[in-house]
N, C-alpha and C. Protein backbone atom coordinates (compact mmCIF):
# COMPACT_ATOMS: atom_id res chain seq x y z
N MET A 1 -26.03 -17.16 -23.51
CA MET A 1 -25.11 -16.65 -22.43
C MET A 1 -24.54 -17.80 -21.54
N ASN A 2 -23.53 -17.61 -20.92
CA ASN A 2 -22.90 -18.72 -20.08
C ASN A 2 -23.75 -18.75 -18.82
N SER A 3 -23.69 -19.84 -18.43
CA SER A 3 -24.48 -20.37 -17.10
C SER A 3 -23.83 -19.75 -15.91
N HIS A 4 -22.48 -19.56 -16.01
CA HIS A 4 -21.66 -19.00 -14.98
C HIS A 4 -21.64 -17.54 -15.05
N ARG A 5 -22.20 -16.91 -15.77
CA ARG A 5 -22.07 -15.42 -15.93
C ARG A 5 -22.47 -14.66 -14.64
N ALA A 6 -23.35 -15.26 -13.96
CA ALA A 6 -23.72 -14.77 -12.60
C ALA A 6 -22.62 -14.59 -11.61
N LEU A 7 -21.73 -15.64 -11.74
CA LEU A 7 -20.48 -15.67 -10.91
C LEU A 7 -19.62 -14.59 -11.27
N LEU A 8 -19.25 -14.70 -12.61
CA LEU A 8 -18.30 -13.82 -13.09
C LEU A 8 -18.88 -12.14 -12.99
N ASP A 9 -20.00 -12.07 -13.13
CA ASP A 9 -20.72 -10.67 -12.94
C ASP A 9 -20.48 -10.06 -11.45
N ASN A 10 -20.39 -10.99 -10.52
CA ASN A 10 -20.26 -10.66 -9.14
C ASN A 10 -18.84 -10.93 -8.41
N LEU A 11 -17.81 -11.10 -9.17
CA LEU A 11 -16.71 -11.38 -8.43
C LEU A 11 -16.07 -10.49 -7.45
N SER A 12 -16.58 -9.11 -7.58
CA SER A 12 -16.31 -8.09 -6.60
C SER A 12 -16.78 -8.47 -5.17
N LYS A 13 -17.86 -9.18 -5.17
CA LYS A 13 -18.56 -9.80 -3.90
C LYS A 13 -18.10 -10.92 -3.25
N LEU A 14 -16.94 -11.61 -3.94
CA LEU A 14 -16.37 -12.74 -3.48
C LEU A 14 -15.70 -12.39 -2.03
N HIS A 15 -16.01 -13.53 -1.17
CA HIS A 15 -15.32 -13.32 0.11
C HIS A 15 -15.22 -14.87 0.71
N THR A 16 -14.66 -14.69 1.89
CA THR A 16 -14.45 -15.90 2.86
C THR A 16 -14.23 -15.56 4.23
N THR A 17 -14.42 -16.61 5.02
CA THR A 17 -14.48 -16.27 6.31
C THR A 17 -12.78 -16.50 6.89
N LYS A 18 -12.55 -16.18 8.10
CA LYS A 18 -11.13 -16.58 8.75
C LYS A 18 -10.70 -18.07 8.66
N LEU A 19 -11.82 -18.85 8.88
CA LEU A 19 -11.49 -20.15 8.80
C LEU A 19 -11.25 -20.62 7.42
N GLY A 20 -12.18 -20.00 6.55
CA GLY A 20 -11.83 -20.34 5.22
C GLY A 20 -10.56 -20.10 4.73
N ILE A 21 -10.10 -18.86 4.95
CA ILE A 21 -8.61 -18.37 4.57
C ILE A 21 -7.62 -19.60 5.21
N GLU A 22 -7.75 -19.94 6.37
CA GLU A 22 -6.87 -20.87 6.90
C GLU A 22 -6.84 -22.02 6.30
N ARG A 23 -8.16 -22.58 5.91
CA ARG A 23 -8.21 -23.82 5.12
C ARG A 23 -7.63 -23.81 3.77
N ILE A 24 -7.99 -22.89 3.14
CA ILE A 24 -7.47 -22.67 1.77
C ILE A 24 -5.90 -22.69 1.70
N LYS A 25 -5.42 -21.84 2.54
CA LYS A 25 -3.93 -21.66 2.54
C LYS A 25 -3.27 -23.22 2.83
N ARG A 26 -4.00 -23.81 3.72
CA ARG A 26 -3.58 -25.18 4.21
C ARG A 26 -3.55 -26.12 3.27
N ASN A 27 -4.92 -26.10 2.55
CA ASN A 27 -5.00 -27.28 1.23
C ASN A 27 -4.01 -27.16 0.28
N LEU A 28 -3.89 -25.52 -0.11
CA LEU A 28 -2.97 -25.34 -1.33
C LEU A 28 -1.54 -24.90 -0.97
N ASN A 29 -1.24 -25.17 0.38
CA ASN A 29 0.23 -24.82 0.55
C ASN A 29 0.61 -23.44 0.14
N LEU A 30 -0.16 -22.34 0.56
CA LEU A 30 -0.13 -21.11 0.05
C LEU A 30 0.54 -20.30 1.33
N ALA A 31 1.43 -19.20 0.88
CA ALA A 31 2.16 -18.41 1.86
C ALA A 31 1.10 -17.14 2.27
N ASP A 32 1.62 -16.23 2.95
CA ASP A 32 0.87 -15.09 3.17
C ASP A 32 0.51 -14.36 1.87
N ILE A 33 -0.64 -14.50 1.15
CA ILE A 33 -1.31 -13.99 0.05
C ILE A 33 -2.84 -13.64 0.25
N ASP A 34 -3.40 -12.82 -0.40
CA ASP A 34 -4.76 -12.47 -0.30
C ASP A 34 -5.41 -13.78 -0.99
N VAL A 35 -6.12 -14.53 -0.15
CA VAL A 35 -6.69 -15.71 -0.70
C VAL A 35 -7.72 -15.52 -1.70
N VAL A 36 -8.48 -14.48 -1.08
CA VAL A 36 -10.05 -14.14 -2.19
C VAL A 36 -9.17 -13.83 -3.35
N ASP A 37 -8.24 -13.00 -3.53
CA ASP A 37 -7.71 -12.59 -4.74
C ASP A 37 -7.22 -13.61 -5.51
N PHE A 38 -6.50 -14.41 -4.90
CA PHE A 38 -6.01 -15.69 -5.42
C PHE A 38 -7.29 -16.37 -6.21
N CYS A 39 -8.12 -16.79 -5.54
CA CYS A 39 -9.30 -17.36 -6.06
C CYS A 39 -10.03 -16.58 -7.02
N ARG A 40 -10.16 -15.27 -7.11
CA ARG A 40 -10.62 -14.53 -8.24
C ARG A 40 -9.70 -14.74 -9.39
N GLN A 41 -8.47 -14.68 -9.40
CA GLN A 41 -7.61 -14.86 -10.55
C GLN A 41 -7.89 -16.12 -11.16
N LEU A 42 -7.86 -17.09 -10.29
CA LEU A 42 -8.15 -18.64 -10.73
C LEU A 42 -9.63 -18.55 -11.68
N ILE A 43 -10.40 -17.92 -11.00
CA ILE A 43 -11.99 -18.02 -11.60
C ILE A 43 -11.86 -17.30 -12.77
N VAL A 44 -11.26 -16.29 -13.08
CA VAL A 44 -11.25 -15.40 -14.47
C VAL A 44 -10.30 -15.85 -15.64
N ALA A 45 -9.44 -16.86 -15.25
CA ALA A 45 -8.38 -17.45 -15.88
C ALA A 45 -9.15 -18.05 -17.33
N ASP A 46 -8.66 -17.92 -18.37
CA ASP A 46 -9.28 -18.48 -19.74
C ASP A 46 -9.54 -19.73 -19.63
N ASP A 47 -8.41 -20.55 -19.02
CA ASP A 47 -8.67 -22.02 -18.96
C ASP A 47 -9.33 -22.66 -17.74
N CYS A 48 -10.05 -21.75 -17.04
CA CYS A 48 -10.83 -22.38 -15.77
C CYS A 48 -12.18 -22.86 -16.20
N THR A 49 -12.41 -24.09 -15.70
CA THR A 49 -13.77 -24.56 -16.00
C THR A 49 -14.63 -24.37 -14.88
N ILE A 50 -16.04 -23.79 -15.15
CA ILE A 50 -16.78 -23.50 -13.94
C ILE A 50 -18.16 -24.25 -14.30
N GLN A 51 -18.52 -24.89 -13.13
CA GLN A 51 -19.77 -25.72 -13.14
C GLN A 51 -20.48 -25.36 -11.88
N LYS A 52 -21.79 -25.45 -12.01
CA LYS A 52 -22.79 -25.32 -10.89
C LYS A 52 -23.25 -26.43 -10.76
N ARG A 53 -23.21 -27.05 -9.48
CA ARG A 53 -23.82 -28.39 -9.20
C ARG A 53 -24.52 -27.93 -7.58
N GLY A 54 -25.86 -28.02 -7.55
CA GLY A 54 -26.59 -27.67 -6.46
C GLY A 54 -26.38 -26.21 -5.98
N LYS A 55 -25.93 -25.90 -4.94
CA LYS A 55 -25.98 -24.70 -4.51
C LYS A 55 -24.48 -24.23 -4.63
N ASN A 56 -23.57 -24.82 -5.23
CA ASN A 56 -22.29 -24.45 -5.17
C ASN A 56 -21.74 -24.34 -6.69
N TRP A 57 -20.70 -23.46 -6.76
CA TRP A 57 -19.98 -23.16 -7.98
C TRP A 57 -18.78 -24.02 -7.90
N TYR A 58 -18.05 -24.66 -8.69
CA TYR A 58 -16.83 -25.50 -8.77
C TYR A 58 -15.99 -25.03 -9.96
N CYS A 59 -15.09 -24.25 -9.53
CA CYS A 59 -14.05 -23.64 -10.48
C CYS A 59 -12.68 -24.38 -10.54
N SER A 60 -12.49 -25.08 -11.67
CA SER A 60 -11.24 -25.93 -11.90
C SER A 60 -10.33 -25.34 -12.75
N LYS A 61 -9.17 -25.09 -12.35
CA LYS A 61 -8.03 -24.89 -13.13
C LYS A 61 -6.83 -25.60 -13.00
N ASP A 62 -6.04 -26.36 -13.88
CA ASP A 62 -5.13 -27.07 -13.77
C ASP A 62 -5.40 -28.17 -12.69
N ASP A 63 -5.04 -28.28 -11.36
CA ASP A 63 -5.27 -29.33 -10.59
C ASP A 63 -6.06 -28.86 -9.35
N THR A 64 -6.48 -27.73 -9.31
CA THR A 64 -6.86 -26.83 -8.33
C THR A 64 -8.40 -26.65 -8.55
N VAL A 65 -9.02 -26.88 -7.42
CA VAL A 65 -10.75 -26.57 -7.41
C VAL A 65 -11.18 -25.40 -6.38
N VAL A 66 -11.74 -24.54 -6.70
CA VAL A 66 -12.31 -23.69 -5.76
C VAL A 66 -13.84 -23.86 -5.58
N THR A 67 -14.34 -23.92 -4.46
CA THR A 67 -15.76 -24.00 -4.46
C THR A 67 -16.43 -22.88 -3.68
N VAL A 68 -17.31 -22.22 -4.31
CA VAL A 68 -18.08 -21.07 -3.96
C VAL A 68 -19.53 -21.14 -3.66
N ASN A 69 -20.04 -20.64 -2.49
CA ASN A 69 -21.60 -20.95 -2.64
C ASN A 69 -22.14 -19.78 -3.33
N SER A 70 -22.96 -20.42 -4.30
CA SER A 70 -23.64 -19.63 -5.23
C SER A 70 -24.62 -18.54 -4.66
N TYR A 71 -25.19 -18.65 -3.52
CA TYR A 71 -26.01 -17.58 -2.91
C TYR A 71 -25.27 -16.61 -2.20
N SER A 72 -24.18 -16.77 -1.43
CA SER A 72 -23.71 -15.75 -0.45
C SER A 72 -22.22 -15.37 -1.21
N LEU A 73 -21.89 -16.11 -2.24
CA LEU A 73 -20.44 -15.85 -3.03
C LEU A 73 -19.47 -15.98 -1.87
N THR A 74 -19.50 -16.82 -1.04
CA THR A 74 -18.37 -17.18 -0.09
C THR A 74 -17.80 -18.33 -0.57
N VAL A 75 -16.27 -18.28 -0.53
CA VAL A 75 -15.49 -19.16 -0.97
C VAL A 75 -15.48 -20.13 0.08
N ILE A 76 -15.98 -21.31 -0.10
CA ILE A 76 -15.95 -22.38 1.00
C ILE A 76 -14.55 -23.06 1.18
N THR A 77 -14.16 -23.47 0.06
CA THR A 77 -12.66 -24.22 0.26
C THR A 77 -12.13 -24.18 -1.18
N ALA A 78 -10.82 -24.60 -1.13
CA ALA A 78 -10.08 -24.79 -2.30
C ALA A 78 -9.30 -26.02 -1.91
N HIS A 79 -9.03 -26.75 -3.23
CA HIS A 79 -8.13 -27.95 -2.65
C HIS A 79 -7.67 -28.31 -4.05
N LYS A 80 -6.31 -29.37 -4.10
CA LYS A 80 -5.91 -29.97 -5.23
C LYS A 80 -6.65 -31.19 -5.62
N GLU A 81 -6.90 -31.56 -6.66
CA GLU A 81 -7.57 -32.60 -7.35
C GLU A 81 -6.73 -33.85 -6.95
N LYS A 82 -7.08 -34.99 -6.71
CA LYS A 82 -6.29 -36.19 -6.58
C LYS A 82 -6.28 -37.00 -7.69
């Protein structure tokens, strides 16, 4: 069983805060879209790599990394890798 199954099984609970929405849009240069849905789509992509380090999940696809708190399923941030 995949160690990231807990995240995938609970994607419907994924959420973020108002400040999180602003931060993610700014970091990824996103227009008016549903940020949480954007993150969900990235996480379920076949080529997404998911790692758990400490209390967070790090979901990487192409050059984008989404950070999710593993306890609350809050999207903390998303950014482009350098």
